[in-house]
Amino acid sequence: MVSYTVKAIVAISSNGYIGKEGRMPWYSKEEFKHFKRTTNGQIVVMGRKTYESIGKPLKNRVNIVFSSTKVNHPDVLTVHSKEQFDNLVNLLIRTRELDQDIFVIGGNQLFKLFDGQIEEFIVSRMKLEVDGDTKLEYSLDNFVITDTMKHKEFEVEVHKPSQSSLTNKKRTDERIKHL
């Protein structure tokens, strides 16, 4: 079984939007710097639409894209399923002595796919309202805020699973082992 630390990172407007027409509905150099500092040198995992909205692989990161079709770029690893992803990460662990975090950077389907594995959810709460068409669909109800950092244009909240959700996950993991 592959073992790795999964984190998620997202920016949300004050009225709850994360996107509009497949793009971020704001531009914040300060928040982009925070995202870059946080994910630099790590593995980033995204869906095809998120990759297309960025338009290129993120530098100094291992870029993994979930897609039913291959992303045609030498710096992008494409996977079609969670099983393929686990196999790829296992290979990276064996060949690179992997000591990196895995950051799920979007979209909503990927946050749901990694539900139960996300050990930290980093949320940048933007200090602005925007016109958007996509809200974060992943519930943070089973998470607690463990840290906050204030910036001029946004505030970062670090969410970790609540003790009760960790206990339930441990029970589920133990039941699966006995099957």
Foldseek 3Di string as FASTA:
>chain_A
DFDAAEAEEAEAELVFFRAAPLEGQDDDPVVVVVVCVVCAQAEEEEEPSNCVRVPDDDPNYQAEYADPDDDPDPSYHYDPDPVRVRVVVVVCCVPVVDDHHYYYYDDQVVCVVCPLRHFKYKYWYFHHDGDHDHGRPDDLPQWDFDDWDDDPGTIITIIGGDPVSVVVSVVVVVVVVVD
